[in-house]
Amino acid sequence: MHTPVNPFKKALQEGRAQIGLWVGLADGYVAEILAGTGYDWLLVDGEHAPNDLRSVLVQLQGIASAWSAQPDEERSHPVVRVPVGETALIKQYLDIGATTLLVPMVDTAEQAAQLVQATRYPPDGIRGMGSALARSSRWQAYPQYIHEANAQICLLVQAETATALQNIDAIAATPGVDGVFIGPADLSATMGFPGQPNHPEVQAAIADGIARIRKAGKAAGILSTTEEQARKWLAAGATFVAVGVDTVVLTQAARALRAVYKPDATPSAAGSSY
């Protein structure tokens, strides 16, 4: 039995837009529910959500569970954001079955190249040989996993500082990097506009970054919590775009329902840094 093809990586290579949802509630039941709603990808957040290796595993299992009720083209692909681009941690997330990783705060091509090494088995990289113990190989149900896995791992790196934007051509050109995700919130802060991702200078930098990523032949990604912004970046050439966050979706839906019955109530103020 062959190691399964990574459908998300294939879609990026073919330039097909992938619409995603951010998953920050850190619960397998929630992930399973959301995996049945038809998004192309779900971002399981290990950086800013209260996740660890085991809670991410439960969410991967929940997402996989939802697949049994869906045709292949409607299955949500899990993208796992690790808390930091550390080789030992990357090994663990790959071994629990994550095939697509998003790594935060990548500022240079040298960092990107090190991450590529961490996600590949020798001789192409330095990933540790532990697949016999791992969910990634289905405990050796994929007998050629160590020979086939490198081609199916999808590595996405985050460019979210002014330094990263300066180096984005080289980052995107790094062999083994499949996509570059621009983080508007952190980018705006490093550009001197904290909390202002919609500042004209930040927006111009994002547009320029997307164009340069595309020029390097790689997929560009971003998170936008308004339809206007999401459509703007899709039109600009972004390929994988997250269009919402589960915590925000839940809060907004709950407030809208409450307003039907208590229209005069004043909700507490809540904003988003995305």
C-alpha atoms as a PDB file:
ATOM      1  CA  MET A   1       0.000   0.000   0.000  1.00  0.00           C
ATOM      2  CA  HIS A   2       1.440   3.334  -1.070  1.00  0.00           C
ATOM      3  CA  THR A   3       1.729   6.360   1.182  1.00  0.00           C
ATOM      4  CA  PRO A   4      -1.290   8.569   0.355  1.00  0.00           C
ATOM      5  CA  VAL A   5      -0.842  11.575  -1.893  1.00  0.00           C
ATOM      6  CA  ASN A   6      -1.060  14.900  -0.052  1.00  0.00           C
ATOM      7  CA  PRO A   7      -4.112  16.505  -1.738  1.00  0.00           C
ATOM      8  CA  PHE A   8      -3.396  19.968  -0.339  1.00  0.00           C
ATOM      9  CA  LYS A   9       0.160  19.979  -1.686  1.00  0.00           C
ATOM     10  CA  LYS A  10      -1.121  18.769  -5.059  1.00  0.00           C
ATOM     11  CA  ALA A  11      -3.713  21.548  -5.145  1.00  0.00           C
ATOM     12  CA  LEU A  12      -1.070  24.189  -4.400  1.00  0.00           C
ATOM     13  CA  GLN A  13       1.188  22.826  -7.128  1.00  0.00           C
ATOM     14  CA  GLU A  14      -1.707  23.033  -9.563  1.00  0.00           C
ATOM     15  CA  GLY A  15      -2.590  26.573  -8.501  1.00  0.00           C
ATOM     16  CA  ARG A  16      -6.072  25.691  -7.244  1.00  0.00           C
ATOM     17  CA  ALA A  17      -7.369  28.094  -4.603  1.00  0.00           C
ATOM     18  CA  GLN A  18      -7.802  26.486  -1.199  1.00  0.00           C
ATOM     19  CA  ILE A  19     -10.217  28.056   1.276  1.00  0.00           C
ATOM     20  CA  GLY A  20      -9.489  27.350   4.926  1.00  0.00           C
ATOM     21  CA  LEU A  21     -10.660  27.922   8.479  1.00  0.00           C
ATOM     22  CA  TRP A  22      -8.492  28.581  11.534  1.00  0.00           C
ATOM     23  CA  VAL A  23      -9.082  26.089  14.350  1.00  0.00           C
ATOM     24  CA  GLY A  24      -8.118  27.455  17.748  1.00  0.00           C
ATOM     25  CA  LEU A  25     -10.583  25.843  20.158  1.00  0.00           C
ATOM     26  CA  ALA A  26      -8.114  23.008  20.756  1.00  0.00           C
ATOM     27  CA  ASP A  27     -10.652  20.218  20.927  1.00  0.00           C
ATOM     28  CA  GLY A  28     -10.999  17.025  18.893  1.00  0.00           C
ATOM     29  CA  TYR A  29     -14.797  17.151  18.935  1.00  0.00           C
ATOM     30  CA  VAL A  30     -14.753  20.677  17.494  1.00  0.00           C
ATOM     31  CA  ALA A  31     -12.212  19.681  14.845  1.00  0.00           C
ATOM     32  CA  GLU A  32     -14.360  16.721  13.820  1.00  0.00           C
ATOM     33  CA  ILE A  33     -17.438  18.933  13.494  1.00  0.00           C
ATOM     34  CA  LEU A  34     -15.581  21.532  11.436  1.00  0.00           C
ATOM     35  CA  ALA A  35     -14.082  18.850   9.192  1.00  0.00           C
ATOM     36  CA  GLY A  36     -17.619  18.075   8.085  1.00  0.00           C
ATOM     37  CA  THR A  37     -18.360  21.619   6.909  1.00  0.00           C
ATOM     38  CA  GLY A  38     -16.511  21.500   3.603  1.00  0.00           C
ATOM     39  CA  TYR A  39     -13.465  23.741   3.966  1.00  0.00           C
ATOM     40  CA  ASP A  40     -10.485  22.739   1.841  1.00  0.00           C
ATOM     41  CA  TRP A  41      -8.161  22.992   4.846  1.00  0.00           C
ATOM     42  CA  LEU A  42      -8.275  23.482   8.580  1.00  0.00           C
ATOM     43  CA  LEU A  43      -5.409  25.136  10.432  1.00  0.00           C
ATOM     44  CA  VAL A  44      -4.842  23.413  13.773  1.00  0.00           C
ATOM     45  CA  ASP A  45      -3.025  26.116  15.687  1.00  0.00           C
ATOM     46  CA  GLY A  46      -0.203  25.030  17.974  1.00  0.00           C
ATOM     47  CA  GLU A  47       1.263  28.526  18.347  1.00  0.00           C
ATOM     48  CA  HIS A  48      -1.481  30.735  19.771  1.00  0.00           C
ATOM     49  CA  ALA A  49      -4.105  28.157  20.789  1.00  0.00           C
ATOM     50  CA  PRO A  50      -3.763  26.037  23.965  1.00  0.00           C
ATOM     51  CA  ASN A  51      -2.527  22.968  22.098  1.00  0.00           C
ATOM     52  CA  ASP A  52       0.211  20.449  22.683  1.00  0.00           C
ATOM     53  CA  LEU A  53       1.323  17.353  20.792  1.00  0.00           C
ATOM     54  CA  ARG A  54      -1.391  15.124  22.231  1.00  0.00           C
ATOM     55  CA  SER A  55      -4.249  17.578  21.718  1.00  0.00           C
ATOM     56  CA  VAL A  56      -3.162  18.067  18.108  1.00  0.00           C
ATOM     57  CA  LEU A  57      -3.138  14.280  17.673  1.00  0.00           C
ATOM     58  CA  VAL A  58      -6.730  14.084  18.917  1.00  0.00           C
ATOM     59  CA  GLN A  59      -7.749  16.773  16.441  1.00  0.00           C
ATOM     60  CA  LEU A  60      -6.022  14.991  13.558  1.00  0.00           C
ATOM     61  CA  GLN A  61      -7.932  11.863  14.521  1.00  0.00           C
ATOM     62  CA  GLY A  62     -11.181  13.821  14.666  1.00  0.00           C
ATOM     63  CA  ILE A  63     -10.634  15.309  11.230  1.00  0.00           C
ATOM     64  CA  ALA A  64      -9.796  11.885   9.793  1.00  0.00           C
ATOM     65  CA  SER A  65     -12.937  10.470  11.399  1.00  0.00           C
ATOM     66  CA  ALA A  66     -15.084  12.970   9.509  1.00  0.00           C
ATOM     67  CA  TRP A  67     -13.650  11.794   6.184  1.00  0.00           C
ATOM     68  CA  SER A  68     -15.624   8.534   6.302  1.00  0.00           C
ATOM     69  CA  ALA A  69     -18.830  10.452   5.609  1.00  0.00           C
ATOM     70  CA  GLN A  70     -17.434  12.575   2.781  1.00  0.00           C
ATOM     71  CA  PRO A  71     -16.303  12.146  -0.810  1.00  0.00           C
ATOM     72  CA  ASP A  72     -12.596  12.787  -1.377  1.00  0.00           C
ATOM     73  CA  GLU A  73     -13.119  16.229  -2.897  1.00  0.00           C
ATOM     74  CA  GLU A  74     -14.985  17.484   0.194  1.00  0.00           C
ATOM     75  CA  ARG A  75     -12.483  16.323   2.808  1.00  0.00           C
ATOM     76  CA  SER A  76     -10.775  19.033   4.842  1.00  0.00           C
ATOM     77  CA  HIS A  77      -6.999  18.720   4.928  1.00  0.00           C
ATOM     78  CA  PRO A  78      -5.371  19.412   8.310  1.00  0.00           C
ATOM     79  CA  VAL A  79      -2.541  21.940   8.347  1.00  0.00           C
ATOM     80  CA  VAL A  80      -0.717  22.012  11.683  1.00  0.00           C
ATOM     81  CA  ARG A  81       0.999  25.162  12.886  1.00  0.00           C
ATOM     82  CA  VAL A  82       3.857  24.205  15.165  1.00  0.00           C
ATOM     83  CA  PRO A  83       4.725  26.607  17.991  1.00  0.00           C
ATOM     84  CA  VAL A  84       8.307  27.012  16.778  1.00  0.00           C
ATOM     85  CA  GLY A  85      10.477  25.688  13.964  1.00  0.00           C
ATOM     86  CA  GLU A  86      12.488  23.289  16.102  1.00  0.00           C
ATOM     87  CA  THR A  87      13.801  20.080  14.518  1.00  0.00           C
ATOM     88  CA  ALA A  88      12.849  17.736  17.373  1.00  0.00           C
ATOM     89  CA  LEU A  89       9.348  19.179  17.600  1.00  0.00           C
ATOM     90  CA  ILE A  90       8.815  18.986  13.842  1.00  0.00           C
ATOM     91  CA  LYS A  91       9.792  15.304  13.969  1.00  0.00           C
ATOM     92  CA  GLN A  92       7.126  14.630  16.592  1.00  0.00           C
ATOM     93  CA  TYR A  93       4.367  16.437  14.685  1.00  0.00           C
ATOM     94  CA  LEU A  94       5.230  14.566  11.494  1.00  0.00           C
ATOM     95  CA  ASP A  95       5.246  11.259  13.342  1.00  0.00           C
ATOM     96  CA  ILE A  96       1.706  11.767  14.700  1.00  0.00           C
ATOM     97  CA  GLY A  97       0.539  12.076  11.113  1.00  0.00           C
ATOM     98  CA  ALA A  98       0.673  15.752  10.169  1.00  0.00           C
ATOM     99  CA  THR A  99       1.645  15.950   6.505  1.00  0.00           C
ATOM    100  CA  THR A 100       1.407  19.719   6.106  1.00  0.00           C
ATOM    101  CA  LEU A 101       3.130  22.042   8.550  1.00  0.00           C
ATOM    102  CA  LEU A 102       2.992  25.810   8.931  1.00  0.00           C
ATOM    103  CA  VAL A 103       6.057  27.192  10.719  1.00  0.00           C
ATOM    104  CA  PRO A 104       5.913  30.696  12.244  1.00  0.00           C
ATOM    105  CA  MET A 105       8.488  33.481  12.206  1.00  0.00           C
ATOM    106  CA  VAL A 106      10.749  32.489   9.319  1.00  0.00           C
ATOM    107  CA  ASP A 107      12.892  35.511   8.487  1.00  0.00           C
ATOM    108  CA  THR A 108      15.624  34.131   6.220  1.00  0.00           C
ATOM    109  CA  ALA A 109      16.265  31.581   3.502  1.00  0.00           C
ATOM    110  CA  GLU A 110      18.750  29.891   5.839  1.00  0.00           C
ATOM    111  CA  GLN A 111      15.970  29.267   8.360  1.00  0.00           C
ATOM    112  CA  ALA A 112      13.730  27.964   5.588  1.00  0.00           C
ATOM    113  CA  ALA A 113      16.414  25.556   4.378  1.00  0.00           C
ATOM    114  CA  GLN A 114      16.887  24.194   7.905  1.00  0.00           C
ATOM    115  CA  LEU A 115      13.147  23.553   8.141  1.00  0.00           C
ATOM    116  CA  VAL A 116      13.200  21.671   4.843  1.00  0.00           C
ATOM    117  CA  GLN A 117      15.954  19.481   6.258  1.00  0.00           C
ATOM    118  CA  ALA A 118      13.896  18.825   9.402  1.00  0.00           C
ATOM    119  CA  THR A 119      10.911  17.589   7.393  1.00  0.00           C
ATOM    120  CA  ARG A 120      12.801  15.177   5.118  1.00  0.00           C
ATOM    121  CA  TYR A 121      14.309  11.757   5.704  1.00  0.00           C
ATOM    122  CA  PRO A 122      17.963  11.213   4.755  1.00  0.00           C
ATOM    123  CA  PRO A 123      19.629  11.607   2.371  1.00  0.00           C
ATOM    124  CA  ASP A 124      17.469  14.689   1.646  1.00  0.00           C
ATOM    125  CA  GLY A 125      17.216  15.799   5.269  1.00  0.00           C
ATOM    126  CA  ILE A 126      17.682  14.914   8.908  1.00  0.00           C
ATOM    127  CA  ARG A 127      14.264  13.632  10.009  1.00  0.00           C
ATOM    128  CA  GLY A 128      14.707  10.837  12.533  1.00  0.00           C
ATOM    129  CA  MET A 129      13.922   7.262  11.534  1.00  0.00           C
ATOM    130  CA  GLY A 130      11.078   6.294  13.856  1.00  0.00           C
ATOM    131  CA  SER A 131       8.228   5.483  11.513  1.00  0.00           C
ATOM    132  CA  ALA A 132       7.738   1.961  12.891  1.00  0.00           C
ATOM    133  CA  LEU A 133       6.314   3.582  16.045  1.00  0.00           C
ATOM    134  CA  ALA A 134       4.380   6.258  14.228  1.00  0.00           C
ATOM    135  CA  ARG A 135       0.857   7.010  13.086  1.00  0.00           C
ATOM    136  CA  SER A 136       2.410   8.680  10.026  1.00  0.00           C
ATOM    137  CA  SER A 137       3.238   5.279   8.510  1.00  0.00           C
ATOM    138  CA  ARG A 138       0.107   3.716   9.984  1.00  0.00           C
ATOM    139  CA  TRP A 139       2.502   1.632  12.046  1.00  0.00           C
ATOM    140  CA  GLN A 140       4.158   0.280   8.901  1.00  0.00           C
ATOM    141  CA  ALA A 141       0.932  -0.317   6.988  1.00  0.00           C
ATOM    142  CA  TYR A 142       2.652   1.894   4.387  1.00  0.00           C
ATOM    143  CA  PRO A 143       5.734  -0.307   3.938  1.00  0.00           C
ATOM    144  CA  GLN A 144       7.573   2.190   1.740  1.00  0.00           C
ATOM    145  CA  TYR A 145       6.785   5.194   3.919  1.00  0.00           C
ATOM    146  CA  ILE A 146      10.371   6.282   4.549  1.00  0.00           C
ATOM    147  CA  HIS A 147      10.981   6.250   0.787  1.00  0.00           C
ATOM    148  CA  GLU A 148       7.718   7.958  -0.163  1.00  0.00           C
ATOM    149  CA  ALA A 149       7.106  10.443   2.661  1.00  0.00           C
ATOM    150  CA  ASN A 150       9.473  13.191   1.496  1.00  0.00           C
ATOM    151  CA  ALA A 151       7.446  13.772  -1.651  1.00  0.00           C
ATOM    152  CA  GLN A 152       4.197  14.142   0.299  1.00  0.00           C
ATOM    153  CA  ILE A 153       5.297  16.463   3.109  1.00  0.00           C
ATOM    154  CA  CYS A 154       4.124  20.030   2.499  1.00  0.00           C
ATOM    155  CA  LEU A 155       6.103  22.798   4.180  1.00  0.00           C
ATOM    156  CA  LEU A 156       4.604  26.248   4.581  1.00  0.00           C
ATOM    157  CA  VAL A 157       6.630  29.016   6.205  1.00  0.00           C
ATOM    158  CA  GLN A 158       5.348  32.241   7.706  1.00  0.00           C
ATOM    159  CA  ALA A 159       6.737  35.600   6.649  1.00  0.00           C
ATOM    160  CA  GLU A 160       5.471  37.939   9.337  1.00  0.00           C
ATOM    161  CA  THR A 161       8.140  40.561   9.918  1.00  0.00           C
ATOM    162  CA  ALA A 162       9.618  43.403   7.919  1.00  0.00           C
ATOM    163  CA  THR A 163      12.841  41.386   7.764  1.00  0.00           C
ATOM    164  CA  ALA A 164      11.035  38.412   6.263  1.00  0.00           C
ATOM    165  CA  LEU A 165       9.465  40.638   3.608  1.00  0.00           C
ATOM    166  CA  GLN A 166      12.911  41.934   2.686  1.00  0.00           C
ATOM    167  CA  ASN A 167      14.097  38.338   2.259  1.00  0.00           C
ATOM    168  CA  ILE A 168      10.923  36.911   0.767  1.00  0.00           C
ATOM    169  CA  ASP A 169      12.364  36.238  -2.702  1.00  0.00           C
ATOM    170  CA  ALA A 170      15.071  33.988  -1.265  1.00  0.00           C
ATOM    171  CA  ILE A 171      12.709  32.376   1.255  1.00  0.00           C
ATOM    172  CA  ALA A 172      10.198  31.518  -1.446  1.00  0.00           C
ATOM    173  CA  ALA A 173      12.912  30.234  -3.782  1.00  0.00           C
ATOM    174  CA  THR A 174      14.187  27.754  -1.191  1.00  0.00           C
ATOM    175  CA  PRO A 175      13.846  24.211  -2.586  1.00  0.00           C
ATOM    176  CA  GLY A 176      11.404  22.222  -0.500  1.00  0.00           C
ATOM    177  CA  VAL A 177       9.342  25.194   0.611  1.00  0.00           C
ATOM    178  CA  ASP A 178       5.869  24.728  -0.870  1.00  0.00           C
ATOM    179  CA  GLY A 179       4.271  27.975   0.227  1.00  0.00           C
ATOM    180  CA  VAL A 180       4.799  31.203   2.122  1.00  0.00           C
ATOM    181  CA  PHE A 181       2.110  32.491   4.454  1.00  0.00           C
ATOM    182  CA  ILE A 182       2.052  36.199   5.245  1.00  0.00           C
ATOM    183  CA  GLY A 183       0.993  37.140   8.794  1.00  0.00           C
ATOM    184  CA  PRO A 184      -0.606  40.600   8.690  1.00  0.00           C
ATOM    185  CA  ALA A 185      -0.825  41.177  12.462  1.00  0.00           C
ATOM    186  CA  ASP A 186       2.833  40.570  13.279  1.00  0.00           C
ATOM    187  CA  LEU A 187       3.928  42.214  10.048  1.00  0.00           C
ATOM    188  CA  SER A 188       2.047  45.408  10.880  1.00  0.00           C
ATOM    189  CA  ALA A 189       3.655  45.481  14.330  1.00  0.00           C
ATOM    190  CA  THR A 190       7.198  45.147  12.970  1.00  0.00           C
ATOM    191  CA  MET A 191       6.481  47.842  10.398  1.00  0.00           C
ATOM    192  CA  GLY A 192       5.584  50.270  13.175  1.00  0.00           C
ATOM    193  CA  PHE A 193       1.794  49.945  12.945  1.00  0.00           C
ATOM    194  CA  PRO A 194       0.813  47.528  15.753  1.00  0.00           C
ATOM    195  CA  GLY A 195      -2.816  46.498  15.579  1.00  0.00           C
ATOM    196  CA  GLN A 196      -3.198  48.129  12.149  1.00  0.00           C
ATOM    197  CA  PRO A 197      -2.978  45.355   9.528  1.00  0.00           C
ATOM    198  CA  ASN A 198      -5.183  47.464   7.240  1.00  0.00           C
ATOM    199  CA  HIS A 199      -2.750  50.398   7.223  1.00  0.00           C
ATOM    200  CA  PRO A 200      -2.013  51.318   3.576  1.00  0.00           C
ATOM    201  CA  GLU A 201       1.705  50.646   3.952  1.00  0.00           C
ATOM    202  CA  VAL A 202       1.044  47.194   5.412  1.00  0.00           C
ATOM    203  CA  GLN A 203      -1.470  46.385   2.715  1.00  0.00           C
ATOM    204  CA  ALA A 204       0.990  47.449   0.037  1.00  0.00           C
ATOM    205  CA  ALA A 205       3.704  45.280   1.596  1.00  0.00           C
ATOM    206  CA  ILE A 206       1.373  42.271   1.629  1.00  0.00           C
ATOM    207  CA  ALA A 207       0.427  42.753  -2.016  1.00  0.00           C
ATOM    208  CA  ASP A 208       4.088  43.055  -2.953  1.00  0.00           C
ATOM    209  CA  GLY A 209       4.921  39.953  -0.918  1.00  0.00           C
ATOM    210  CA  ILE A 210       2.230  37.879  -2.626  1.00  0.00           C
ATOM    211  CA  ALA A 211       3.486  38.962  -6.047  1.00  0.00           C
ATOM    212  CA  ARG A 212       7.075  38.023  -5.172  1.00  0.00           C
ATOM    213  CA  ILE A 213       6.061  34.643  -3.759  1.00  0.00           C
ATOM    214  CA  ARG A 214       4.142  33.901  -6.934  1.00  0.00           C
ATOM    215  CA  LYS A 215       7.075  35.046  -9.064  1.00  0.00           C
ATOM    216  CA  ALA A 216       9.233  32.458  -7.287  1.00  0.00           C
ATOM    217  CA  GLY A 217       6.753  29.792  -8.342  1.00  0.00           C
ATOM    218  CA  LYS A 218       5.399  29.115  -4.861  1.00  0.00           C
ATOM    219  CA  ALA A 219       1.955  29.353  -3.286  1.00  0.00           C
ATOM    220  CA  ALA A 220       1.080  32.415  -1.211  1.00  0.00           C
ATOM    221  CA  GLY A 221      -1.196  32.238   1.809  1.00  0.00           C
ATOM    222  CA  ILE A 222      -2.892  34.569   4.270  1.00  0.00           C
ATOM    223  CA  LEU A 223      -5.626  34.768   6.914  1.00  0.00           C
ATOM    224  CA  SER A 224      -8.418  37.302   6.349  1.00  0.00           C
ATOM    225  CA  THR A 225     -11.457  37.514   8.594  1.00  0.00           C
ATOM    226  CA  THR A 226     -13.527  39.711   6.271  1.00  0.00           C
ATOM    227  CA  GLU A 227     -14.894  38.722   2.889  1.00  0.00           C
ATOM    228  CA  GLU A 228     -13.589  41.934   1.336  1.00  0.00           C
ATOM    229  CA  GLN A 229     -10.008  41.194   2.392  1.00  0.00           C
ATOM    230  CA  ALA A 230     -10.174  37.503   1.504  1.00  0.00           C
ATOM    231  CA  ARG A 231     -11.426  38.234  -1.991  1.00  0.00           C
ATOM    232  CA  LYS A 232      -8.826  40.965  -2.384  1.00  0.00           C
ATOM    233  CA  TRP A 233      -5.956  38.570  -1.657  1.00  0.00           C
ATOM    234  CA  LEU A 234      -7.422  35.779  -3.774  1.00  0.00           C
ATOM    235  CA  ALA A 235      -7.624  38.239  -6.660  1.00  0.00           C
ATOM    236  CA  ALA A 236      -4.022  39.272  -5.947  1.00  0.00           C
ATOM    237  CA  GLY A 237      -2.876  35.681  -6.402  1.00  0.00           C
ATOM    238  CA  ALA A 238      -2.986  34.118  -2.944  1.00  0.00           C
ATOM    239  CA  THR A 239      -3.634  30.394  -3.268  1.00  0.00           C
ATOM    240  CA  PHE A 240      -4.409  29.227   0.271  1.00  0.00           C
ATOM    241  CA  VAL A 241      -6.561  31.677   2.196  1.00  0.00           C
ATOM    242  CA  ALA A 242      -8.116  31.157   5.615  1.00  0.00           C
ATOM    243  CA  VAL A 243     -11.372  33.086   5.727  1.00  0.00           C
ATOM    244  CA  GLY A 244     -12.316  32.793   9.389  1.00  0.00           C
ATOM    245  CA  VAL A 245     -11.388  31.685  12.887  1.00  0.00           C
ATOM    246  CA  ASP A 246     -13.510  29.195  14.829  1.00  0.00           C
ATOM    247  CA  THR A 247     -13.457  31.286  18.022  1.00  0.00           C
ATOM    248  CA  VAL A 248     -14.757  34.313  16.103  1.00  0.00           C
ATOM    249  CA  VAL A 249     -17.370  32.273  14.233  1.00  0.00           C
ATOM    250  CA  LEU A 250     -18.689  30.852  17.510  1.00  0.00           C
ATOM    251  CA  THR A 251     -18.753  34.217  19.251  1.00  0.00           C
ATOM    252  CA  GLN A 252     -20.495  35.996  16.379  1.00  0.00           C
ATOM    253  CA  ALA A 253     -23.102  33.259  15.937  1.00  0.00           C
ATOM    254  CA  ALA A 254     -23.854  33.189  19.666  1.00  0.00           C
ATOM    255  CA  ARG A 255     -24.247  36.973  19.795  1.00  0.00           C
ATOM    256  CA  ALA A 256     -26.468  36.994  16.712  1.00  0.00           C
ATOM    257  CA  LEU A 257     -28.746  34.372  18.256  1.00  0.00           C
ATOM    258  CA  ARG A 258     -28.898  36.220  21.574  1.00  0.00           C
ATOM    259  CA  ALA A 259     -29.771  39.444  19.763  1.00  0.00           C
ATOM    260  CA  VAL A 260     -32.905  37.808  18.377  1.00  0.00           C
ATOM    261  CA  TYR A 261     -34.232  37.477  21.931  1.00  0.00           C
ATOM    262  CA  LYS A 262     -32.420  40.311  23.713  1.00  0.00           C
ATOM    263  CA  PRO A 263     -32.018  42.992  21.059  1.00  0.00           C
ATOM    264  CA  ASP A 264     -31.323  45.745  23.566  1.00  0.00           C
ATOM    265  CA  ALA A 265     -28.432  43.981  25.303  1.00  0.00           C
ATOM    266  CA  THR A 266     -25.013  45.521  24.820  1.00  0.00           C
ATOM    267  CA  PRO A 267     -22.350  42.905  24.007  1.00  0.00           C
ATOM    268  CA  SER A 268     -18.898  43.231  25.491  1.00  0.00           C
ATOM    269  CA  ALA A 269     -16.332  44.612  23.116  1.00  0.00           C
ATOM    270  CA  ALA A 270     -14.199  42.011  21.364  1.00  0.00           C
ATOM    271  CA  GLY A 271     -11.843  42.486  18.481  1.00  0.00           C
ATOM    272  CA  SER A 272      -9.509  40.416  16.385  1.00  0.00           C
ATOM    273  CA  SER A 273      -5.814  40.893  15.843  1.00  0.00           C
ATOM    274  CA  TYR A 274      -5.856  39.006  12.549  1.00  0.00           C
END
